């Protein structure tokens, strides 16, 4: 949603308890959002880092809607394959889950 410049920074924001999903605090970076979930920052946030990231006009994917003024966004729809970041290796994901079966 553009609230952090990198995935690592986004994970740190979540782990430190700055993020809410549907108004409830989330501190697990691997939390799975459902369609329609509202992701936002606690009232004491957003931090300076988040404000700087949003002011940098990040590229927002089409499957989320973002309200930059309220520092919140909605997970609107499932992403299509061509919208996924290029650094995701689908073969490794499939291999990992095949081992679990």
N, C-alpha and C. Protein backbone atom coordinates (compact mmCIF):
# COMPACT_ATOMS: atom_id res chain seq x y z
N UNK A 1 0.82 -1.20 0.00
CA UNK A 1 0.00 0.00 0.00
C UNK A 1 0.85 1.26 0.00
N UNK A 2 2.16 1.08 0.06
CA UNK A 2 3.04 2.23 -0.02
C UNK A 2 3.36 2.89 1.30
N UNK A 3 3.04 2.24 2.42
CA UNK A 3 3.30 2.82 3.73
C UNK A 3 4.74 2.60 4.19
N UNK A 4 5.46 1.73 3.49
CA UNK A 4 6.87 1.49 3.79
C UNK A 4 7.61 1.36 2.47
N UNK A 5 8.89 1.66 2.48
CA UNK A 5 9.67 1.63 1.24
C UNK A 5 10.10 0.23 0.84
N UNK A 6 10.25 -0.68 1.82
CA UNK A 6 10.66 -2.04 1.53
C UNK A 6 9.78 -3.02 2.31
N UNK A 7 9.84 -4.27 1.91
CA UNK A 7 9.09 -5.30 2.65
C UNK A 7 9.61 -5.43 4.07
N UNK A 8 10.92 -5.35 4.23
CA UNK A 8 11.51 -5.46 5.57
C UNK A 8 11.00 -4.34 6.47
N UNK A 9 10.90 -3.14 5.94
CA UNK A 9 10.40 -2.01 6.72
C UNK A 9 8.93 -2.21 7.07
N UNK A 10 8.16 -2.74 6.12
CA UNK A 10 6.74 -3.00 6.38
C UNK A 10 6.58 -4.06 7.46
N UNK A 11 7.39 -5.11 7.40
CA UNK A 11 7.32 -6.17 8.41
C UNK A 11 7.66 -5.61 9.80
N UNK A 12 8.63 -4.71 9.85
CA UNK A 12 9.02 -4.13 11.13
C UNK A 12 7.89 -3.28 11.70
N UNK A 13 7.20 -2.51 10.85
CA UNK A 13 6.07 -1.72 11.32
C UNK A 13 4.99 -2.61 11.92
N UNK A 14 4.73 -3.74 11.26
CA UNK A 14 3.73 -4.67 11.77
C UNK A 14 4.20 -5.30 13.07
N UNK A 15 5.43 -5.80 13.10
CA UNK A 15 5.96 -6.47 14.29
C UNK A 15 5.99 -5.56 15.51
N UNK A 16 6.13 -4.27 15.31
CA UNK A 16 6.18 -3.33 16.42
C UNK A 16 4.79 -2.84 16.83
N UNK A 17 3.75 -3.37 16.19
CA UNK A 17 2.39 -3.10 16.61
C UNK A 17 1.79 -1.79 16.14
N UNK A 18 2.28 -1.23 15.06
CA UNK A 18 1.76 0.04 14.56
C UNK A 18 0.57 -0.13 13.63
N UNK A 19 0.29 -1.35 13.19
CA UNK A 19 -0.72 -1.61 12.17
C UNK A 19 -1.95 -2.26 12.77
N UNK A 20 -3.12 -1.88 12.22
CA UNK A 20 -4.38 -2.53 12.60
C UNK A 20 -5.04 -3.08 11.34
N UNK A 21 -5.79 -4.15 11.52
CA UNK A 21 -6.62 -4.70 10.45
C UNK A 21 -8.03 -4.75 10.99
N UNK A 22 -8.92 -4.03 10.33
CA UNK A 22 -10.31 -3.90 10.77
C UNK A 22 -10.41 -3.40 12.21
N UNK A 23 -9.51 -2.49 12.57
CA UNK A 23 -9.53 -1.86 13.89
C UNK A 23 -8.86 -2.65 15.00
N UNK A 24 -8.35 -3.84 14.71
CA UNK A 24 -7.68 -4.67 15.72
C UNK A 24 -6.18 -4.69 15.45
N UNK A 25 -5.41 -4.54 16.51
CA UNK A 25 -3.95 -4.51 16.39
C UNK A 25 -3.44 -5.85 15.86
N UNK A 26 -2.52 -5.76 14.90
CA UNK A 26 -1.89 -6.95 14.33
C UNK A 26 -0.39 -6.79 14.51
N UNK A 27 0.27 -7.81 15.08
CA UNK A 27 1.72 -7.73 15.26
C UNK A 27 2.44 -8.95 14.67
N UNK A 28 1.76 -9.64 13.78
CA UNK A 28 2.35 -10.78 13.08
C UNK A 28 2.42 -10.43 11.60
N UNK A 29 3.63 -10.32 11.09
CA UNK A 29 3.83 -9.86 9.71
C UNK A 29 3.25 -10.84 8.69
N UNK A 30 3.08 -12.09 9.04
CA UNK A 30 2.53 -13.07 8.09
C UNK A 30 1.02 -13.17 8.18
N UNK A 31 0.36 -12.24 8.84
CA UNK A 31 -1.09 -12.23 8.96
C UNK A 31 -1.72 -12.23 7.57
N UNK A 32 -2.72 -13.09 7.36
CA UNK A 32 -3.37 -13.17 6.06
C UNK A 32 -4.62 -12.31 6.06
N UNK A 33 -4.64 -11.32 5.20
CA UNK A 33 -5.81 -10.46 5.06
C UNK A 33 -6.84 -11.12 4.16
N UNK A 34 -8.10 -10.82 4.43
CA UNK A 34 -9.19 -11.29 3.59
C UNK A 34 -9.66 -10.13 2.73
N UNK A 35 -10.42 -10.45 1.69
CA UNK A 35 -10.96 -9.40 0.83
C UNK A 35 -11.84 -8.46 1.65
N UNK A 36 -11.66 -7.18 1.45
CA UNK A 36 -12.44 -6.18 2.17
C UNK A 36 -11.83 -5.72 3.48
N UNK A 37 -10.74 -6.33 3.91
CA UNK A 37 -10.09 -5.93 5.16
C UNK A 37 -9.52 -4.52 5.02
N UNK A 38 -9.67 -3.74 6.09
CA UNK A 38 -9.13 -2.38 6.14
C UNK A 38 -7.83 -2.40 6.93
N UNK A 39 -6.75 -2.03 6.30
CA UNK A 39 -5.44 -1.98 6.94
C UNK A 39 -5.14 -0.52 7.22
N UNK A 40 -4.81 -0.20 8.48
CA UNK A 40 -4.56 1.19 8.86
C UNK A 40 -3.50 1.23 9.96
N UNK A 41 -3.21 2.43 10.41
CA UNK A 41 -2.26 2.62 11.50
C UNK A 41 -3.01 3.03 12.76
N UNK A 42 -2.45 2.66 13.89
CA UNK A 42 -3.05 3.06 15.16
C UNK A 42 -3.08 4.58 15.24
N UNK A 43 -3.91 5.11 16.11
CA UNK A 43 -4.07 6.55 16.23
C UNK A 43 -2.77 7.25 16.61
N UNK A 44 -1.93 6.59 17.40
CA UNK A 44 -0.65 7.19 17.79
C UNK A 44 0.34 7.21 16.63
N UNK A 45 0.10 6.39 15.62
CA UNK A 45 0.92 6.39 14.42
C UNK A 45 0.21 7.27 13.41
N UNK A 46 0.65 7.57 12.29
CA UNK A 46 1.80 7.02 11.61
C UNK A 46 3.09 7.72 11.99
N UNK A 47 4.12 7.00 11.82
CA UNK A 47 5.44 7.51 12.14
C UNK A 47 5.98 8.39 11.02
N UNK A 48 7.06 9.07 11.30
CA UNK A 48 7.71 9.93 10.32
C UNK A 48 8.10 9.14 9.07
N UNK A 49 8.55 7.91 9.27
CA UNK A 49 8.98 7.06 8.16
C UNK A 49 7.80 6.77 7.22
N UNK A 50 6.64 6.54 7.79
CA UNK A 50 5.45 6.26 6.98
C UNK A 50 5.05 7.49 6.18
N UNK A 51 5.07 8.64 6.83
CA UNK A 51 4.71 9.88 6.15
C UNK A 51 5.65 10.15 4.98
N UNK A 52 6.94 9.92 5.19
CA UNK A 52 7.92 10.13 4.12
C UNK A 52 7.68 9.16 2.96
N UNK A 53 7.34 7.93 3.28
CA UNK A 53 7.09 6.94 2.25
C UNK A 53 5.87 7.30 1.41
N UNK A 54 4.81 7.76 2.05
CA UNK A 54 3.59 8.14 1.34
C UNK A 54 3.83 9.39 0.50
N UNK A 55 4.60 10.34 1.02
CA UNK A 55 4.90 11.56 0.27
C UNK A 55 5.75 11.28 -0.97
N UNK A 56 6.45 10.14 -0.97
CA UNK A 56 7.28 9.76 -2.10
C UNK A 56 6.48 9.24 -3.28
N UNK A 57 5.16 9.25 -3.20
CA UNK A 57 4.25 8.81 -4.26
C UNK A 57 4.59 7.40 -4.76
N UNK A 58 4.43 6.40 -3.90
CA UNK A 58 4.74 5.03 -4.31
C UNK A 58 3.74 4.51 -5.35
N UNK A 59 4.14 3.50 -6.09
CA UNK A 59 3.25 2.86 -7.05
C UNK A 59 2.32 1.93 -6.28
N UNK A 60 1.03 2.16 -6.41
CA UNK A 60 0.04 1.37 -5.68
C UNK A 60 -0.54 0.33 -6.63
N UNK A 61 -0.53 -0.95 -6.24
CA UNK A 61 -1.11 -1.98 -7.10
C UNK A 61 -2.62 -1.81 -7.24
N UNK A 62 -3.19 -2.34 -8.31
CA UNK A 62 -4.60 -2.17 -8.59
C UNK A 62 -5.53 -2.94 -7.67
N UNK A 63 -5.00 -3.90 -6.92
CA UNK A 63 -5.87 -4.72 -6.08
C UNK A 63 -6.07 -4.15 -4.67
N UNK A 64 -5.53 -2.98 -4.40
CA UNK A 64 -5.77 -2.29 -3.12
C UNK A 64 -6.20 -0.86 -3.41
N UNK A 65 -6.99 -0.32 -2.50
CA UNK A 65 -7.33 1.10 -2.58
C UNK A 65 -6.75 1.76 -1.34
N UNK A 66 -6.13 2.92 -1.52
CA UNK A 66 -5.41 3.56 -0.43
C UNK A 66 -5.93 4.98 -0.22
N UNK A 67 -6.12 5.34 1.05
CA UNK A 67 -6.44 6.71 1.43
C UNK A 67 -5.20 7.26 2.13
N UNK A 68 -4.38 7.98 1.39
CA UNK A 68 -3.09 8.46 1.91
C UNK A 68 -3.27 9.46 3.05
N UNK A 69 -4.36 10.20 3.07
CA UNK A 69 -4.58 11.18 4.13
C UNK A 69 -4.90 10.52 5.46
N UNK A 70 -5.62 9.41 5.41
CA UNK A 70 -5.98 8.69 6.64
C UNK A 70 -5.00 7.57 6.97
N UNK A 71 -4.01 7.37 6.09
CA UNK A 71 -3.03 6.29 6.26
C UNK A 71 -3.73 4.95 6.44
N UNK A 72 -4.64 4.65 5.52
CA UNK A 72 -5.35 3.38 5.55
C UNK A 72 -5.59 2.91 4.12
N UNK A 73 -5.92 1.64 4.00
CA UNK A 73 -6.20 1.07 2.70
C UNK A 73 -7.08 -0.14 2.83
N UNK A 74 -7.68 -0.54 1.72
CA UNK A 74 -8.58 -1.69 1.69
C UNK A 74 -8.04 -2.71 0.69
N UNK A 75 -8.03 -3.96 1.11
CA UNK A 75 -7.66 -5.06 0.23
C UNK A 75 -8.90 -5.37 -0.60
N UNK A 76 -8.97 -4.83 -1.82
CA UNK A 76 -10.18 -4.82 -2.63
C UNK A 76 -10.44 -6.12 -3.39
N UNK A 77 -9.40 -6.70 -3.97
CA UNK A 77 -9.60 -7.92 -4.77
C UNK A 77 -8.31 -8.72 -4.80
N UNK A 78 -8.41 -9.96 -5.25
CA UNK A 78 -7.23 -10.80 -5.39
C UNK A 78 -6.36 -10.27 -6.53
N UNK A 79 -5.05 -10.30 -6.37
CA UNK A 79 -4.18 -9.83 -7.45
C UNK A 79 -4.16 -10.83 -8.61
N UNK A 80 -3.98 -10.32 -9.79
CA UNK A 80 -3.79 -11.17 -10.96
C UNK A 80 -2.31 -11.51 -11.05
N UNK A 81 -2.00 -12.57 -11.75
CA UNK A 81 -0.62 -13.05 -11.82
C UNK A 81 0.34 -11.96 -12.33
N UNK A 82 -0.07 -11.18 -13.31
CA UNK A 82 0.82 -10.16 -13.87
C UNK A 82 1.02 -8.97 -12.93
N UNK A 83 0.25 -8.87 -11.86
CA UNK A 83 0.40 -7.78 -10.90
C UNK A 83 1.35 -8.11 -9.75
N UNK A 84 1.77 -9.35 -9.66
CA UNK A 84 2.66 -9.76 -8.58
C UNK A 84 4.07 -9.23 -8.84
N UNK A 85 4.80 -8.91 -7.77
CA UNK A 85 6.18 -8.44 -7.95
C UNK A 85 7.03 -9.48 -8.66
N UNK A 86 7.98 -9.02 -9.42
CA UNK A 86 8.82 -9.91 -10.22
C UNK A 86 9.79 -10.74 -9.38
N UNK A 87 10.04 -10.33 -8.14
CA UNK A 87 11.00 -11.07 -7.32
C UNK A 87 10.38 -12.28 -6.60
N UNK A 88 9.12 -12.58 -6.88
CA UNK A 88 8.47 -13.75 -6.30
C UNK A 88 8.75 -14.94 -7.21
N UNK A 89 9.29 -16.00 -6.62
CA UNK A 89 9.61 -17.20 -7.37
C UNK A 89 8.51 -18.23 -7.10
N UNK A 90 7.57 -18.35 -8.02
CA UNK A 90 6.43 -19.24 -7.84
C UNK A 90 6.85 -20.70 -7.69
N UNK A 91 7.89 -21.11 -8.40
CA UNK A 91 8.35 -22.49 -8.32
C UNK A 91 8.77 -22.86 -6.90
N UNK A 92 9.43 -21.95 -6.20
CA UNK A 92 9.85 -22.22 -4.83
C UNK A 92 8.64 -22.34 -3.90
N UNK A 93 7.62 -21.53 -4.12
CA UNK A 93 6.41 -21.59 -3.29
C UNK A 93 5.72 -22.94 -3.49
N UNK A 94 5.58 -23.36 -4.74
CA UNK A 94 4.93 -24.64 -5.03
C UNK A 94 5.73 -25.78 -4.43
N UNK A 95 7.06 -25.73 -4.57
CA UNK A 95 7.92 -26.77 -4.01
C UNK A 95 7.78 -26.85 -2.49
N UNK A 96 7.72 -25.69 -1.83
CA UNK A 96 7.58 -25.65 -0.38
C UNK A 96 6.27 -26.31 0.07
N UNK A 97 5.17 -25.96 -0.54
CA UNK A 97 3.89 -26.51 -0.13
C UNK A 97 3.73 -27.96 -0.53
N UNK A 98 4.41 -28.41 -1.59
CA UNK A 98 4.38 -29.84 -1.96
C UNK A 98 5.05 -30.70 -0.89
N UNK A 99 6.06 -30.15 -0.23
CA UNK A 99 6.74 -30.90 0.84
C UNK A 99 5.83 -31.08 2.04
N UNK A 100 4.88 -30.20 2.23
CA UNK A 100 3.99 -30.28 3.38
C UNK A 100 2.88 -31.31 3.19
N UNK A 101 2.64 -31.70 1.96
CA UNK A 101 1.56 -32.66 1.69
C UNK A 101 1.91 -34.06 2.03
